[in-house]
Amino acid sequence: MIIARRYRELVNAYLERSPPWRGQLDTITPRLYGLPVEFSPTPEEEPCWAVINFDLEKEPGVPVRYPYFRLF
């Protein structure tokens, strides 16, 4: 998920940060409800981000084990 940079301060308190897996020594990827989060470039770099709030890429197909699904 890519979120517009202007929401960084607002969303920052809700991001989950976990240590990287063994063998992954690069940066820690913040997550929001389990989804990896990145922040957009500035609107000066890419003007479309002056209007767009977020961009979510979905993997094709049906989720195999959706962690937030509960039967009531």
PDB file of N, CA and C in Angstrom:
ATOM      1  N   MET A   1       0.857  -1.153   0.000  1.00  0.00           N
ATOM      2  CA  MET A   1       0.000   0.000   0.000  1.00  0.00           C
ATOM      3  C   MET A   1       0.908   1.222   0.000  1.00  0.00           C
ATOM      4  N   ILE A   2       0.573   2.166  -0.855  1.00  0.00           N
ATOM      5  CA  ILE A   2       1.283   3.433  -0.883  1.00  0.00           C
ATOM      6  C   ILE A   2       0.305   4.508  -0.424  1.00  0.00           C
ATOM      7  N   ILE A   3       0.694   5.244   0.599  1.00  0.00           N
ATOM      8  CA  ILE A   3      -0.151   6.295   1.163  1.00  0.00           C
ATOM      9  C   ILE A   3       0.479   7.642   0.836  1.00  0.00           C
ATOM     10  N   ALA A   4      -0.355   8.622   0.525  1.00  0.00           N
ATOM     11  CA  ALA A   4       0.141   9.965   0.209  1.00  0.00           C
ATOM     12  C   ALA A   4       0.964  10.506   1.369  1.00  0.00           C
ATOM     13  N   ARG A   5       2.063  11.118   1.026  1.00  0.00           N
ATOM     14  CA  ARG A   5       3.009  11.636   2.024  1.00  0.00           C
ATOM     15  C   ARG A   5       2.355  12.588   3.022  1.00  0.00           C
ATOM     16  N   ARG A   6       1.318  13.313   2.597  1.00  0.00           N
ATOM     17  CA  ARG A   6       0.687  14.286   3.497  1.00  0.00           C
ATOM     18  C   ARG A   6       0.004  13.621   4.695  1.00  0.00           C
ATOM     19  N   TYR A   7      -0.217  12.293   4.639  1.00  0.00           N
ATOM     20  CA  TYR A   7      -0.849  11.568   5.740  1.00  0.00           C
ATOM     21  C   TYR A   7       0.161  10.879   6.657  1.00  0.00           C
ATOM     22  N   ARG A   8       1.436  11.083   6.432  1.00  0.00           N
ATOM     23  CA  ARG A   8       2.472  10.387   7.193  1.00  0.00           C
ATOM     24  C   ARG A   8       2.314  10.598   8.705  1.00  0.00           C
ATOM     25  N   GLU A   9       2.170  11.816   9.162  1.00  0.00           N
ATOM     26  CA  GLU A   9       2.031  12.084  10.602  1.00  0.00           C
ATOM     27  C   GLU A   9       0.751  11.482  11.170  1.00  0.00           C
ATOM     28  N   LEU A  10      -0.331  11.537  10.424  1.00  0.00           N
ATOM     29  CA  LEU A  10      -1.614  11.012  10.880  1.00  0.00           C
ATOM     30  C   LEU A  10      -1.572   9.489  11.032  1.00  0.00           C
ATOM     31  N   VAL A  11      -0.978   8.800  10.068  1.00  0.00           N
ATOM     32  CA  VAL A  11      -0.979   7.340  10.035  1.00  0.00           C
ATOM     33  C   VAL A  11       0.155   6.744  10.874  1.00  0.00           C
ATOM     34  N   ASN A  12       1.190   7.495  11.119  1.00  0.00           N
ATOM     35  CA  ASN A  12       2.382   6.989  11.789  1.00  0.00           C
ATOM     36  C   ASN A  12       2.084   6.301  13.118  1.00  0.00           C
ATOM     37  N   ALA A  13       1.145   6.806  13.887  1.00  0.00           N
ATOM     38  CA  ALA A  13       0.808   6.213  15.187  1.00  0.00           C
ATOM     39  C   ALA A  13       0.171   4.833  15.046  1.00  0.00           C
ATOM     40  N   TYR A  14      -0.394   4.512  13.892  1.00  0.00           N
ATOM     41  CA  TYR A  14      -1.090   3.240  13.696  1.00  0.00           C
ATOM     42  C   TYR A  14      -0.229   2.181  13.021  1.00  0.00           C
ATOM     43  N   LEU A  15       0.976   2.531  12.624  1.00  0.00           N
ATOM     44  CA  LEU A  15       1.832   1.581  11.916  1.00  0.00           C
ATOM     45  C   LEU A  15       2.444   0.576  12.875  1.00  0.00           C
ATOM     46  N   GLU A  16       2.483  -0.674  12.429  1.00  0.00           N
ATOM     47  CA  GLU A  16       3.117  -1.740  13.201  1.00  0.00           C
ATOM     48  C   GLU A  16       4.548  -1.859  12.689  1.00  0.00           C
ATOM     49  N   ARG A  17       5.480  -1.916  13.602  1.00  0.00           N
ATOM     50  CA  ARG A  17       6.883  -2.100  13.215  1.00  0.00           C
ATOM     51  C   ARG A  17       7.395  -3.356  13.883  1.00  0.00           C
ATOM     52  N   SER A  18       7.895  -4.262  13.093  1.00  0.00           N
ATOM     53  CA  SER A  18       8.439  -5.493  13.643  1.00  0.00           C
ATOM     54  C   SER A  18       9.861  -5.657  13.129  1.00  0.00           C
ATOM     55  N   PRO A  19      10.676  -6.347  13.885  1.00  0.00           N
ATOM     56  CA  PRO A  19      12.055  -6.534  13.441  1.00  0.00           C
ATOM     57  C   PRO A  19      12.099  -7.370  12.162  1.00  0.00           C
ATOM     58  N   PRO A  20      13.115  -7.173  11.332  1.00  0.00           N
ATOM     59  CA  PRO A  20      13.202  -7.934  10.084  1.00  0.00           C
ATOM     60  C   PRO A  20      13.459  -9.412  10.360  1.00  0.00           C
ATOM     61  N   TRP A  21      13.063 -10.243   9.401  1.00  0.00           N
ATOM     62  CA  TRP A  21      13.305 -11.680   9.497  1.00  0.00           C
ATOM     63  C   TRP A  21      14.792 -11.940   9.452  1.00  0.00           C
ATOM     64  N   ARG A  22      15.181 -13.096   9.938  1.00  0.00           N
ATOM     65  CA  ARG A  22      16.575 -13.491   9.898  1.00  0.00           C
ATOM     66  C   ARG A  22      17.054 -13.485   8.443  1.00  0.00           C
ATOM     67  N   GLY A  23      18.186 -12.890   8.191  1.00  0.00           N
ATOM     68  CA  GLY A  23      18.707 -12.822   6.832  1.00  0.00           C
ATOM     69  C   GLY A  23      18.301 -11.564   6.099  1.00  0.00           C
ATOM     70  N   GLN A  24      17.313 -10.840   6.606  1.00  0.00           N
ATOM     71  CA  GLN A  24      16.893  -9.582   5.989  1.00  0.00           C
ATOM     72  C   GLN A  24      17.447  -8.445   6.831  1.00  0.00           C
ATOM     73  N   LEU A  25      18.563  -7.917   6.408  1.00  0.00           N
ATOM     74  CA  LEU A  25      19.218  -6.890   7.199  1.00  0.00           C
ATOM     75  C   LEU A  25      18.880  -5.483   6.736  1.00  0.00           C
ATOM     76  N   ASP A  26      17.989  -5.373   5.767  1.00  0.00           N
ATOM     77  CA  ASP A  26      17.621  -4.041   5.286  1.00  0.00           C
ATOM     78  C   ASP A  26      16.651  -3.372   6.258  1.00  0.00           C
ATOM     79  N   THR A  27      16.038  -2.328   5.847  1.00  0.00           N
ATOM     80  CA  THR A  27      15.178  -1.547   6.737  1.00  0.00           C
ATOM     81  C   THR A  27      13.929  -2.313   7.162  1.00  0.00           C
ATOM     82  N   ILE A  28      13.380  -1.892   8.273  1.00  0.00           N
ATOM     83  CA  ILE A  28      12.127  -2.476   8.780  1.00  0.00           C
ATOM     84  C   ILE A  28      10.972  -1.878   7.988  1.00  0.00           C
ATOM     85  N   THR A  29      10.103  -2.741   7.462  1.00  0.00           N
ATOM     86  CA  THR A  29       8.959  -2.281   6.683  1.00  0.00           C
ATOM     87  C   THR A  29       7.777  -2.057   7.610  1.00  0.00           C
ATOM     88  N   PRO A  30       7.277  -0.825   7.710  1.00  0.00           N
ATOM     89  CA  PRO A  30       6.091  -0.602   8.545  1.00  0.00           C
ATOM     90  C   PRO A  30       4.863  -1.250   7.912  1.00  0.00           C
ATOM     91  N   ARG A  31       3.916  -1.667   8.742  1.00  0.00           N
ATOM     92  CA  ARG A  31       2.704  -2.325   8.255  1.00  0.00           C
ATOM     93  C   ARG A  31       1.483  -1.678   8.880  1.00  0.00           C
ATOM     94  N   LEU A  32       0.398  -1.702   8.128  1.00  0.00           N
ATOM     95  CA  LEU A  32      -0.888  -1.208   8.594  1.00  0.00           C
ATOM     96  C   LEU A  32      -1.883  -2.345   8.407  1.00  0.00           C
ATOM     97  N   TYR A  33      -2.377  -2.902   9.502  1.00  0.00           N
ATOM     98  CA  TYR A  33      -3.260  -4.074   9.474  1.00  0.00           C
ATOM     99  C   TYR A  33      -2.635  -5.208   8.661  1.00  0.00           C
ATOM    100  N   GLY A  34      -1.340  -5.396   8.812  1.00  0.00           N
ATOM    101  CA  GLY A  34      -0.641  -6.487   8.148  1.00  0.00           C
ATOM    102  C   GLY A  34      -0.151  -6.180   6.743  1.00  0.00           C
ATOM    103  N   LEU A  35      -0.547  -5.060   6.177  1.00  0.00           N
ATOM    104  CA  LEU A  35      -0.121  -4.694   4.815  1.00  0.00           C
ATOM    105  C   LEU A  35       1.132  -3.834   4.867  1.00  0.00           C
ATOM    106  N   PRO A  36       2.135  -4.158   4.047  1.00  0.00           N
ATOM    107  CA  PRO A  36       3.322  -3.300   4.012  1.00  0.00           C
ATOM    108  C   PRO A  36       2.964  -1.916   3.488  1.00  0.00           C
ATOM    109  N   VAL A  37       3.517  -0.885   4.124  1.00  0.00           N
ATOM    110  CA  VAL A  37       3.175   0.499   3.796  1.00  0.00           C
ATOM    111  C   VAL A  37       4.415   1.255   3.317  1.00  0.00           C
ATOM    112  N   GLU A  38       4.211   2.020   2.260  1.00  0.00           N
ATOM    113  CA  GLU A  38       5.210   2.973   1.787  1.00  0.00           C
ATOM    114  C   GLU A  38       4.505   4.310   1.664  1.00  0.00           C
ATOM    115  N   PHE A  39       5.276   5.379   1.666  1.00  0.00           N
ATOM    116  CA  PHE A  39       4.692   6.699   1.467  1.00  0.00           C
ATOM    117  C   PHE A  39       5.099   7.223   0.104  1.00  0.00           C
ATOM    118  N   SER A  40       4.191   7.958  -0.498  1.00  0.00           N
ATOM    119  CA  SER A  40       4.378   8.446  -1.862  1.00  0.00           C
ATOM    120  C   SER A  40       5.493   9.478  -1.949  1.00  0.00           C
ATOM    121  N   PRO A  41       5.970   9.722  -3.176  1.00  0.00           N
ATOM    122  CA  PRO A  41       6.865  10.867  -3.372  1.00  0.00           C
ATOM    123  C   PRO A  41       6.077  12.159  -3.181  1.00  0.00           C
ATOM    124  N   THR A  42       6.759  13.260  -3.109  1.00  0.00           N
ATOM    125  CA  THR A  42       6.078  14.546  -2.936  1.00  0.00           C
ATOM    126  C   THR A  42       5.287  14.898  -4.195  1.00  0.00           C
ATOM    127  N   PRO A  43       4.225  15.707  -4.056  1.00  0.00           N
ATOM    128  CA  PRO A  43       3.444  16.111  -5.226  1.00  0.00           C
ATOM    129  C   PRO A  43       4.276  16.873  -6.265  1.00  0.00           C
ATOM    130  N   GLU A  44       5.365  17.482  -5.834  1.00  0.00           N
ATOM    131  CA  GLU A  44       6.228  18.167  -6.792  1.00  0.00           C
ATOM    132  C   GLU A  44       6.934  17.157  -7.702  1.00  0.00           C
ATOM    133  N   GLU A  45       7.287  15.986  -7.137  1.00  0.00           N
ATOM    134  CA  GLU A  45       7.948  14.943  -7.919  1.00  0.00           C
ATOM    135  C   GLU A  45       6.955  14.230  -8.830  1.00  0.00           C
ATOM    136  N   GLU A  46       5.792  13.889  -8.291  1.00  0.00           N
ATOM    137  CA  GLU A  46       4.734  13.225  -9.059  1.00  0.00           C
ATOM    138  C   GLU A  46       3.419  13.935  -8.757  1.00  0.00           C
ATOM    139  N   PRO A  47       2.958  14.799  -9.652  1.00  0.00           N
ATOM    140  CA  PRO A  47       1.769  15.628  -9.400  1.00  0.00           C
ATOM    141  C   PRO A  47       0.492  14.850  -9.075  1.00  0.00           C
ATOM    142  N   CYS A  48       0.365  13.604  -9.505  1.00  0.00           N
ATOM    143  CA  CYS A  48      -0.859  12.845  -9.226  1.00  0.00           C
ATOM    144  C   CYS A  48      -1.097  12.675  -7.721  1.00  0.00           C
ATOM    145  N   TRP A  49      -0.023  12.727  -6.898  1.00  0.00           N
ATOM    146  CA  TRP A  49      -0.166  12.553  -5.457  1.00  0.00           C
ATOM    147  C   TRP A  49      -0.735  13.778  -4.761  1.00  0.00           C
ATOM    148  N   ALA A  50      -0.977  14.848  -5.493  1.00  0.00           N
ATOM    149  CA  ALA A  50      -1.680  16.001  -4.923  1.00  0.00           C
ATOM    150  C   ALA A  50      -3.165  15.688  -4.784  1.00  0.00           C
ATOM    151  N   VAL A  51      -3.651  14.683  -5.531  1.00  0.00           N
ATOM    152  CA  VAL A  51      -5.064  14.320  -5.541  1.00  0.00           C
ATOM    153  C   VAL A  51      -5.300  12.935  -4.933  1.00  0.00           C
ATOM    154  N   ILE A  52      -4.425  11.984  -5.232  1.00  0.00           N
ATOM    155  CA  ILE A  52      -4.592  10.593  -4.782  1.00  0.00           C
ATOM    156  C   ILE A  52      -4.283  10.484  -3.294  1.00  0.00           C
ATOM    157  N   ASN A  53      -5.101   9.736  -2.544  1.00  0.00           N
ATOM    158  CA  ASN A  53      -4.872   9.519  -1.118  1.00  0.00           C
ATOM    159  C   ASN A  53      -4.051   8.271  -0.846  1.00  0.00           C
ATOM    160  N   PHE A  54      -4.347   7.191  -1.580  1.00  0.00           N
ATOM    161  CA  PHE A  54      -3.574   5.964  -1.414  1.00  0.00           C
ATOM    162  C   PHE A  54      -3.691   5.114  -2.668  1.00  0.00           C
ATOM    163  N   ASP A  55      -2.788   4.139  -2.777  1.00  0.00           N
ATOM    164  CA  ASP A  55      -2.797   3.194  -3.883  1.00  0.00           C
ATOM    165  C   ASP A  55      -2.612   1.811  -3.282  1.00  0.00           C
ATOM    166  N   LEU A  56      -3.526   0.908  -3.572  1.00  0.00           N
ATOM    167  CA  LEU A  56      -3.481  -0.439  -3.017  1.00  0.00           C
ATOM    168  C   LEU A  56      -3.411  -1.437  -4.154  1.00  0.00           C
ATOM    169  N   GLU A  57      -2.351  -2.242  -4.155  1.00  0.00           N
ATOM    170  CA  GLU A  57      -2.234  -3.293  -5.156  1.00  0.00           C
ATOM    171  C   GLU A  57      -2.732  -4.584  -4.548  1.00  0.00           C
ATOM    172  N   LYS A  58      -3.628  -5.245  -5.264  1.00  0.00           N
ATOM    173  CA  LYS A  58      -4.212  -6.496  -4.777  1.00  0.00           C
ATOM    174  C   LYS A  58      -3.637  -7.652  -5.569  1.00  0.00           C
ATOM    175  N   GLU A  59      -3.293  -8.708  -4.872  1.00  0.00           N
ATOM    176  CA  GLU A  59      -2.840  -9.908  -5.549  1.00  0.00           C
ATOM    177  C   GLU A  59      -4.054 -10.587  -6.157  1.00  0.00           C
ATOM    178  N   PRO A  60      -3.916 -11.141  -7.357  1.00  0.00           N
ATOM    179  CA  PRO A  60      -5.066 -11.799  -7.980  1.00  0.00           C
ATOM    180  C   PRO A  60      -5.478 -13.059  -7.213  1.00  0.00           C
ATOM    181  N   GLY A  61      -6.766 -13.344  -7.263  1.00  0.00           N
ATOM    182  CA  GLY A  61      -7.279 -14.561  -6.642  1.00  0.00           C
ATOM    183  C   GLY A  61      -7.901 -14.301  -5.282  1.00  0.00           C
ATOM    184  N   VAL A  62      -8.373 -15.376  -4.671  1.00  0.00           N
ATOM    185  CA  VAL A  62      -9.026 -15.331  -3.370  1.00  0.00           C
ATOM    186  C   VAL A  62      -7.980 -15.602  -2.295  1.00  0.00           C
ATOM    187  N   PRO A  63      -7.988 -14.849  -1.185  1.00  0.00           N
ATOM    188  CA  PRO A  63      -7.023 -15.109  -0.111  1.00  0.00           C
ATOM    189  C   PRO A  63      -7.185 -16.523   0.433  1.00  0.00           C
ATOM    190  N   VAL A  64      -6.066 -17.186   0.673  1.00  0.00           N
ATOM    191  CA  VAL A  64      -6.105 -18.556   1.187  1.00  0.00           C
ATOM    192  C   VAL A  64      -6.493 -18.559   2.655  1.00  0.00           C
ATOM    193  N   ARG A  65      -5.780 -17.809   3.456  1.00  0.00           N
ATOM    194  CA  ARG A  65      -6.096 -17.714   4.888  1.00  0.00           C
ATOM    195  C   ARG A  65      -6.125 -16.243   5.250  1.00  0.00           C
ATOM    196  N   TYR A  66      -7.283 -15.649   5.259  1.00  0.00           N
ATOM    197  CA  TYR A  66      -7.428 -14.235   5.566  1.00  0.00           C
ATOM    198  C   TYR A  66      -7.399 -14.068   7.078  1.00  0.00           C
ATOM    199  N   PRO A  67      -6.384 -13.380   7.654  1.00  0.00           N
ATOM    200  CA  PRO A  67      -6.232 -13.350   9.111  1.00  0.00           C
ATOM    201  C   PRO A  67      -7.286 -12.542   9.858  1.00  0.00           C
ATOM    202  N   TYR A  68      -8.015 -11.658   9.194  1.00  0.00           N
ATOM    203  CA  TYR A  68      -8.979 -10.832   9.900  1.00  0.00           C
ATOM    204  C   TYR A  68     -10.418 -11.295   9.698  1.00  0.00           C
ATOM    205  N   PHE A  69     -10.600 -12.478   9.119  1.00  0.00           N
ATOM    206  CA  PHE A  69     -11.939 -13.001   8.856  1.00  0.00           C
ATOM    207  C   PHE A  69     -12.397 -13.817  10.053  1.00  0.00           C
ATOM    208  N   ARG A  70     -13.599 -13.526  10.540  1.00  0.00           N
ATOM    209  CA  ARG A  70     -14.167 -14.280  11.656  1.00  0.00           C
ATOM    210  C   ARG A  70     -15.616 -14.639  11.331  1.00  0.00           C
ATOM    211  N   LEU A  71     -15.995 -15.845  11.665  1.00  0.00           N
ATOM    212  CA  LEU A  71     -17.390 -16.246  11.512  1.00  0.00           C
ATOM    213  C   LEU A  71     -18.137 -15.909  12.790  1.00  0.00           C
ATOM    214  N   PHE A  72     -19.289 -15.314  12.648  1.00  0.00           N
ATOM    215  CA  PHE A  72     -20.092 -14.968  13.828  1.00  0.00           C
ATOM    216  C   PHE A  72     -21.261 -15.889  13.944  1.00  0.00           C
TER     217      PHE A  72
END
